[in-house]
């Protein structure tokens, strides 16, 4: 079991590194826009949305790491793991709200390039965290049922 969780922990470290790399690249973009005086409200809102969602994504990675530690301790079906699942659900919902800040930039790009498909792409990107929230809510209900069954079985033994 520890081999599988070790692989997942390594993947989480890789995902964290990727998110931090994207944040660094985004920082260079912000500095470049600042120095050439090309900042406008849509761009600033997009930067704040992307930075905020990167911070929330790193928080989700920490919560997933804590769940993996609970699995290593042979305690995956506990109230603590349910608490982490709820935190992941709330964080992903916050990421959806932060992604709403990307819409003005997608509109500006779609309007400037005369490409109405860009708005559909932007809405699709925004819908991803919402779909993940629904999936996590399903997993949360499933985990609640498993914990309830586990408690009933512990009482009968």
Foldseek 3Di string as FASTA:
>chain_A
DVVVLVVVLVVLVVVLVVLVVVLVVLVVVVVVCVVVVNDDDLSVLVSVLSVLLSVLVNVLSVLVNVLSVCVVVVRNLDVSNLVSLVSNLVSLVVNLVSLVSNQVVLVVVCVVVVNPVSNVVSVVVSCVSVVVSVVSVVVSVVSVVVSVVVVVVVVVD
